[in-house]
Amino acid sequence: MIFLIVGFAVALPILFPLNLPIGSSREADAYYDEMEKLVAGDVIIFSFDYEPDTMAELDPMSLATLRHAFRKDVRVIA
């Protein structure tokens, strides 16, 4: 019975999307704006000194930053 309830709770938003707005924080917008100010040839120092227990949260942000930097031809010191 529990599995049916959980399955229904998971399937309900898939069948009937809530269409909630997705926003970003001021800090995230400021970080993006600073990355956009960089020009080709600029150098940034990027630290990957986080622990394995926070890897699930920080790895996607780190990869997004690296992709953004490489797309703009910014040199990265890691």
C-alpha atoms as a PDB file:
ATOM      1  CA  MET A   1       0.000   0.000   0.000  1.00  0.00           C
ATOM      2  CA  ILE A   2       2.848   2.364   0.849  1.00  0.00           C
ATOM      3  CA  PHE A   3       4.476   1.786  -2.542  1.00  0.00           C
ATOM      4  CA  LEU A   4       1.227   2.637  -4.310  1.00  0.00           C
ATOM      5  CA  ILE A   5       0.920   5.891  -2.380  1.00  0.00           C
ATOM      6  CA  VAL A   6       4.546   6.820  -3.113  1.00  0.00           C
ATOM      7  CA  GLY A   7       4.130   5.874  -6.777  1.00  0.00           C
ATOM      8  CA  PHE A   8       0.995   8.010  -7.022  1.00  0.00           C
ATOM      9  CA  ALA A   9       2.752  10.932  -5.302  1.00  0.00           C
ATOM     10  CA  VAL A  10       5.600  10.709  -7.812  1.00  0.00           C
ATOM     11  CA  ALA A  11       3.373  10.256 -10.873  1.00  0.00           C
ATOM     12  CA  LEU A  12       0.928  13.048 -10.020  1.00  0.00           C
ATOM     13  CA  PRO A  13       3.270  16.006 -10.772  1.00  0.00           C
ATOM     14  CA  ILE A  14       4.486  14.243 -13.931  1.00  0.00           C
ATOM     15  CA  LEU A  15       0.941  13.872 -15.241  1.00  0.00           C
ATOM     16  CA  PHE A  16      -0.199  17.321 -14.070  1.00  0.00           C
ATOM     17  CA  PRO A  17       2.763  19.737 -14.080  1.00  0.00           C
ATOM     18  CA  LEU A  18       2.613  22.555 -11.548  1.00  0.00           C
ATOM     19  CA  ASN A  19       4.431  25.080 -13.799  1.00  0.00           C
ATOM     20  CA  LEU A  20       6.109  26.789 -10.867  1.00  0.00           C
ATOM     21  CA  PRO A  21       8.396  29.713 -11.691  1.00  0.00           C
ATOM     22  CA  ILE A  22      12.122  29.045 -11.489  1.00  0.00           C
ATOM     23  CA  GLY A  23      14.114  32.010 -10.248  1.00  0.00           C
ATOM     24  CA  SER A  24      17.691  32.706  -9.315  1.00  0.00           C
ATOM     25  CA  SER A  25      19.192  34.458  -6.321  1.00  0.00           C
ATOM     26  CA  ARG A  26      20.996  37.788  -6.362  1.00  0.00           C
ATOM     27  CA  GLU A  27      24.250  35.982  -5.626  1.00  0.00           C
ATOM     28  CA  ALA A  28      23.825  33.632  -8.599  1.00  0.00           C
ATOM     29  CA  ASP A  29      23.004  36.565 -10.885  1.00  0.00           C
ATOM     30  CA  ALA A  30      26.051  38.492  -9.629  1.00  0.00           C
ATOM     31  CA  TYR A  31      28.287  35.440 -10.199  1.00  0.00           C
ATOM     32  CA  TYR A  32      26.986  35.039 -13.749  1.00  0.00           C
ATOM     33  CA  ASP A  33      27.464  38.738 -14.457  1.00  0.00           C
ATOM     34  CA  GLU A  34      31.087  38.581 -13.293  1.00  0.00           C
ATOM     35  CA  MET A  35      31.721  35.562 -15.515  1.00  0.00           C
ATOM     36  CA  GLU A  36      30.187  37.456 -18.450  1.00  0.00           C
ATOM     37  CA  LYS A  37      32.580  40.389 -17.898  1.00  0.00           C
ATOM     38  CA  LEU A  38      35.588  38.146 -18.595  1.00  0.00           C
ATOM     39  CA  VAL A  39      37.173  38.356 -22.030  1.00  0.00           C
ATOM     40  CA  ALA A  40      39.239  35.844 -23.988  1.00  0.00           C
ATOM     41  CA  GLY A  41      42.677  35.448 -22.454  1.00  0.00           C
ATOM     42  CA  ASP A  42      41.681  36.458 -18.928  1.00  0.00           C
ATOM     43  CA  VAL A  43      42.881  34.158 -16.170  1.00  0.00           C
ATOM     44  CA  ILE A  44      40.803  32.895 -13.253  1.00  0.00           C
ATOM     45  CA  ILE A  45      41.858  30.770 -10.306  1.00  0.00           C
ATOM     46  CA  PHE A  46      39.269  28.125  -9.494  1.00  0.00           C
ATOM     47  CA  SER A  47      39.438  25.966  -6.392  1.00  0.00           C
ATOM     48  CA  PHE A  48      38.159  22.409  -6.183  1.00  0.00           C
ATOM     49  CA  ASP A  49      38.943  21.929  -2.496  1.00  0.00           C
ATOM     50  CA  TYR A  50      35.631  20.485  -1.404  1.00  0.00           C
ATOM     51  CA  GLU A  51      35.007  17.201   0.382  1.00  0.00           C
ATOM     52  CA  PRO A  52      33.321  14.129  -1.122  1.00  0.00           C
ATOM     53  CA  ASP A  53      30.231  14.661   1.019  1.00  0.00           C
ATOM     54  CA  THR A  54      29.546  18.012  -0.702  1.00  0.00           C
ATOM     55  CA  MET A  55      30.517  16.803  -4.164  1.00  0.00           C
ATOM     56  CA  ALA A  56      26.913  16.191  -5.225  1.00  0.00           C
ATOM     57  CA  GLU A  57      26.093  19.850  -4.606  1.00  0.00           C
ATOM     58  CA  LEU A  58      29.312  21.551  -5.724  1.00  0.00           C
ATOM     59  CA  ASP A  59      30.384  19.456  -8.720  1.00  0.00           C
ATOM     60  CA  PRO A  60      27.573  20.637 -11.047  1.00  0.00           C
ATOM     61  CA  MET A  61      28.308  24.268 -10.168  1.00  0.00           C
ATOM     62  CA  SER A  62      32.027  23.752 -10.762  1.00  0.00           C
ATOM     63  CA  LEU A  63      31.436  22.078 -14.113  1.00  0.00           C
ATOM     64  CA  ALA A  64      29.057  24.844 -15.199  1.00  0.00           C
ATOM     65  CA  THR A  65      31.654  27.459 -14.290  1.00  0.00           C
ATOM     66  CA  LEU A  66      34.368  25.608 -16.191  1.00  0.00           C
ATOM     67  CA  ARG A  67      32.154  25.237 -19.276  1.00  0.00           C
ATOM     68  CA  HIS A  68      31.322  28.931 -19.131  1.00  0.00           C
ATOM     69  CA  ALA A  69      34.990  29.863 -18.803  1.00  0.00           C
ATOM     70  CA  PHE A  70      36.132  27.562 -21.615  1.00  0.00           C
ATOM     71  CA  ARG A  71      33.334  28.772 -23.897  1.00  0.00           C
ATOM     72  CA  LYS A  72      34.617  32.331 -23.417  1.00  0.00           C
ATOM     73  CA  ASP A  73      38.246  31.160 -23.955  1.00  0.00           C
ATOM     74  CA  VAL A  74      39.249  32.124 -20.415  1.00  0.00           C
ATOM     75  CA  ARG A  75      42.323  30.434 -18.984  1.00  0.00           C
ATOM     76  CA  VAL A  76      41.666  28.512 -15.771  1.00  0.00           C
ATOM     77  CA  ILE A  77      44.126  27.774 -13.008  1.00  0.00           C
ATOM     78  CA  ALA A  78      42.728  24.970 -10.876  1.00  0.00           C
END
